[in-house]
N, C-alpha and C. Protein backbone atom coordinates (compact mmCIF):
# COMPACT_ATOMS: atom_id res chain seq x y z
N MET A 1 0.82 -1.20 0.00
CA MET A 1 0.00 0.00 0.00
C MET A 1 0.86 1.26 0.00
N ASN A 2 2.05 1.18 0.59
CA ASN A 2 2.92 2.33 0.64
C ASN A 2 3.42 2.74 -0.74
N LYS A 3 3.52 1.78 -1.68
CA LYS A 3 3.97 2.10 -3.03
C LYS A 3 3.01 3.06 -3.72
N LEU A 4 1.73 2.94 -3.45
CA LEU A 4 0.75 3.76 -4.14
C LEU A 4 0.79 5.21 -3.69
N PHE A 5 1.42 5.49 -2.54
CA PHE A 5 1.53 6.87 -2.08
C PHE A 5 2.71 7.58 -2.72
N ASP A 6 3.62 6.83 -3.32
CA ASP A 6 4.75 7.45 -4.01
C ASP A 6 4.32 7.78 -5.43
N LEU A 7 4.32 9.05 -5.75
CA LEU A 7 3.80 9.50 -7.04
C LEU A 7 4.65 9.01 -8.20
N ARG A 8 5.95 8.81 -7.98
CA ARG A 8 6.81 8.33 -9.06
C ARG A 8 6.41 6.92 -9.49
N PHE A 9 5.98 6.09 -8.56
CA PHE A 9 5.55 4.74 -8.90
C PHE A 9 4.26 4.78 -9.72
N VAL A 10 3.31 5.59 -9.31
CA VAL A 10 2.03 5.67 -10.01
C VAL A 10 2.22 6.24 -11.41
N ILE A 11 3.02 7.30 -11.53
CA ILE A 11 3.28 7.88 -12.85
C ILE A 11 4.02 6.88 -13.73
N GLY A 12 5.02 6.21 -13.17
CA GLY A 12 5.76 5.21 -13.94
C GLY A 12 4.88 4.07 -14.41
N LEU A 13 4.00 3.61 -13.54
CA LEU A 13 3.09 2.52 -13.91
C LEU A 13 2.13 2.95 -15.01
N PHE A 14 1.61 4.17 -14.91
CA PHE A 14 0.71 4.69 -15.94
C PHE A 14 1.40 4.76 -17.29
N PHE A 15 2.59 5.35 -17.32
CA PHE A 15 3.30 5.50 -18.59
C PHE A 15 3.77 4.16 -19.14
N LEU A 16 4.08 3.21 -18.27
CA LEU A 16 4.47 1.88 -18.74
C LEU A 16 3.29 1.17 -19.41
N ILE A 17 2.12 1.26 -18.80
CA ILE A 17 0.93 0.62 -19.38
C ILE A 17 0.58 1.25 -20.72
N ILE A 18 0.56 2.58 -20.78
CA ILE A 18 0.24 3.26 -22.03
C ILE A 18 1.29 2.97 -23.09
N GLY A 19 2.56 2.97 -22.70
CA GLY A 19 3.64 2.68 -23.64
C GLY A 19 3.55 1.29 -24.22
N LEU A 20 3.27 0.31 -23.37
CA LEU A 20 3.15 -1.07 -23.85
C LEU A 20 1.94 -1.24 -24.75
N LEU A 21 0.85 -0.55 -24.43
CA LEU A 21 -0.32 -0.60 -25.31
C LEU A 21 -0.02 0.01 -26.68
N LEU A 22 0.71 1.11 -26.70
CA LEU A 22 1.06 1.73 -27.98
C LEU A 22 2.00 0.86 -28.79
N ILE A 23 2.97 0.25 -28.13
CA ILE A 23 3.90 -0.64 -28.84
C ILE A 23 3.15 -1.83 -29.41
N GLY A 24 2.28 -2.43 -28.61
CA GLY A 24 1.49 -3.55 -29.10
C GLY A 24 0.57 -3.16 -30.24
N TYR A 25 -0.04 -1.99 -30.14
CA TYR A 25 -0.93 -1.53 -31.20
C TYR A 25 -0.17 -1.26 -32.49
N SER A 26 1.07 -0.79 -32.37
CA SER A 26 1.84 -0.51 -33.59
C SER A 26 2.16 -1.79 -34.35
N PHE A 27 2.31 -2.91 -33.64
CA PHE A 27 2.60 -4.17 -34.32
C PHE A 27 1.33 -4.87 -34.81
N LEU A 28 0.22 -4.65 -34.15
CA LEU A 28 -1.01 -5.36 -34.49
C LEU A 28 -1.94 -4.60 -35.43
N SER A 29 -1.70 -3.32 -35.64
CA SER A 29 -2.63 -2.54 -36.46
C SER A 29 -2.28 -2.65 -37.94
N ASP A 30 -3.27 -2.35 -38.76
CA ASP A 30 -3.09 -2.33 -40.21
C ASP A 30 -3.04 -0.90 -40.73
N ALA A 31 -2.55 0.00 -39.90
CA ALA A 31 -2.50 1.41 -40.29
C ALA A 31 -1.35 1.64 -41.28
N THR A 32 -1.31 2.85 -41.77
CA THR A 32 -0.23 3.19 -42.69
C THR A 32 1.10 3.17 -41.95
N GLU A 33 2.17 3.20 -42.70
CA GLU A 33 3.51 3.09 -42.12
C GLU A 33 3.81 4.24 -41.15
N TYR A 34 3.35 5.44 -41.47
CA TYR A 34 3.63 6.59 -40.61
C TYR A 34 2.93 6.46 -39.27
N LYS A 35 1.70 5.99 -39.28
CA LYS A 35 0.97 5.83 -38.02
C LYS A 35 1.59 4.74 -37.17
N LYS A 36 2.08 3.68 -37.80
CA LYS A 36 2.75 2.63 -37.04
C LYS A 36 4.00 3.17 -36.37
N GLU A 37 4.77 3.97 -37.11
CA GLU A 37 6.00 4.51 -36.55
C GLU A 37 5.73 5.46 -35.40
N VAL A 38 4.69 6.28 -35.53
CA VAL A 38 4.36 7.22 -34.46
C VAL A 38 3.97 6.45 -33.20
N ASN A 39 3.14 5.43 -33.34
CA ASN A 39 2.74 4.64 -32.18
C ASN A 39 3.94 3.93 -31.56
N LEU A 40 4.82 3.40 -32.38
CA LEU A 40 5.99 2.69 -31.87
C LEU A 40 6.92 3.65 -31.15
N TYR A 41 7.21 4.79 -31.75
CA TYR A 41 8.13 5.75 -31.13
C TYR A 41 7.55 6.34 -29.85
N CYS A 42 6.27 6.67 -29.86
CA CYS A 42 5.64 7.19 -28.64
C CYS A 42 5.61 6.12 -27.55
N GLY A 43 5.34 4.89 -27.93
CA GLY A 43 5.34 3.80 -26.96
C GLY A 43 6.71 3.59 -26.35
N LEU A 44 7.74 3.65 -27.17
CA LEU A 44 9.11 3.51 -26.65
C LEU A 44 9.48 4.69 -25.75
N LEU A 45 9.07 5.88 -26.13
CA LEU A 45 9.34 7.06 -25.32
C LEU A 45 8.62 6.98 -23.98
N PHE A 46 7.35 6.60 -23.99
CA PHE A 46 6.59 6.48 -22.75
C PHE A 46 7.18 5.39 -21.85
N SER A 47 7.58 4.28 -22.44
CA SER A 47 8.15 3.19 -21.65
C SER A 47 9.49 3.59 -21.05
N SER A 48 10.30 4.32 -21.80
CA SER A 48 11.58 4.76 -21.25
C SER A 48 11.38 5.78 -20.14
N PHE A 49 10.37 6.64 -20.26
CA PHE A 49 10.05 7.58 -19.19
C PHE A 49 9.58 6.83 -17.94
N ALA A 50 8.82 5.77 -18.14
CA ALA A 50 8.36 4.96 -17.01
C ALA A 50 9.55 4.31 -16.30
N LEU A 51 10.50 3.80 -17.07
CA LEU A 51 11.69 3.21 -16.46
C LEU A 51 12.50 4.25 -15.70
N LEU A 52 12.55 5.47 -16.21
CA LEU A 52 13.23 6.55 -15.50
C LEU A 52 12.54 6.83 -14.17
N MET A 53 11.22 6.85 -14.16
CA MET A 53 10.48 7.06 -12.91
C MET A 53 10.76 5.95 -11.90
N PHE A 54 10.80 4.70 -12.38
CA PHE A 54 11.08 3.58 -11.49
C PHE A 54 12.50 3.66 -10.95
N MET A 55 13.44 4.10 -11.79
CA MET A 55 14.83 4.22 -11.33
C MET A 55 14.97 5.34 -10.30
N LEU A 56 14.26 6.45 -10.49
CA LEU A 56 14.30 7.53 -9.51
C LEU A 56 13.70 7.10 -8.18
N LYS A 57 12.65 6.32 -8.24
CA LYS A 57 12.05 5.81 -7.01
C LYS A 57 13.01 4.88 -6.28
N GLN A 58 13.68 4.02 -7.03
CA GLN A 58 14.62 3.08 -6.43
C GLN A 58 15.82 3.82 -5.84
N LYS A 59 16.29 4.87 -6.52
CA LYS A 59 17.42 5.64 -6.03
C LYS A 59 17.07 6.31 -4.71
N ASN A 60 15.88 6.89 -4.63
CA ASN A 60 15.44 7.54 -3.41
C ASN A 60 15.26 6.53 -2.29
N LYS A 61 14.81 5.35 -2.61
CA LYS A 61 14.63 4.30 -1.60
C LYS A 61 15.98 3.91 -1.00
N ASP A 62 17.02 3.85 -1.82
CA ASP A 62 18.35 3.51 -1.33
C ASP A 62 18.94 4.64 -0.48
N ASP A 63 18.61 5.89 -0.79
CA ASP A 63 19.14 7.03 -0.04
C ASP A 63 18.51 7.15 1.33
N GLU A 64 17.27 6.69 1.51
CA GLU A 64 16.59 6.82 2.79
C GLU A 64 17.15 5.91 3.85
N VAL A 65 17.80 4.84 3.46
CA VAL A 65 18.32 3.87 4.43
C VAL A 65 19.52 4.38 5.08
């Protein structure tokens, strides 16, 4: 329950879910090439931002000890 009070975890989880959905949609859709690339690049960007949020949370957790 304590994880949900840390905003970095919630933001990271949100962006990870959206990023994975966009990446999956880019591979499964029959859209034009440009739309596939936009979904893929945005999904990768969102997922990398989510990983950054998780890393910042982990860094702060190590500093508190």
